[in-house]
Amino acid sequence: MELVITIIVCYFIGAIPSSYLLVKFFGKKNIFQEGSGNPGALNSYESTDNKYIGTSVLLLDILKGIAAAYFAYSIAGNNYVPFLAGLIWVIIGNNYNIFFGLKGGRGLAVAAGAFGAASPYFVFTWLIMWLTSYFMIKKNVHVANAIALIAAPILVFSTADAMLDISGILTVGDKTALKITYSLSCFVILIRHFKPLREFALKNNS
């Protein structure tokens, strides 16, 4: 029962349309019809030319991830499975929003909040991979995102469990299960990057 409740609640936390509401009320625009059509912080900023809207969307998405992580952790008790499920389902709720025909964002900020609540080390590894790929491989945000989403889980799996214990906030005894959950979440987010990556490839080949 705890698992079902966690999945439902975390999904709907992720589905809170923070970017749509902020852009609609303060920017007087429909985020799905502006720019890239992605309801994320970057498109919210670019579509409205308002850094406060973009920053607010970013912070609210991070808070959604944190809220879901703490809820899942509180309900999980001695069973870590609902907690790990919550970390994934808040991202799914954000990326495949039932209120908008399963359209949604790419999930990076929500994942940063959720996994950052578990251990800041997860966010740190992704940022290191992102910065490396952006400045040394290709100065494109989507390409850097994709490379980091593939490389970060590899780095996490090569990390000693003791590192996660030291940096852990919401701790899980089974570090392998936590690492697998992180990897699955990265894959869920990577799927949402296929379209911009394809558009980038077509643009560079034209």
Foldseek 3Di string as FASTA:
>chain_A
DLLVVLLVVLLVLLQPQLLQVLCCPPVVDGCCPFDPNASALVSSCVRRVDNVSSVVRLVSLLVSLQVSLVVQLVSCPLNCVSNLSSLQNSQQSQCQPPVVNGHHHLRPSSNCNNVVQFFNVLVVLLVVQLVCCCPPPHVDNLRSLLRSLVVSLVVLVVDDVVVSVVRGNSYDPPVVSNSVSSNVSSVSSNVVSPVVVVVVVVVVVD
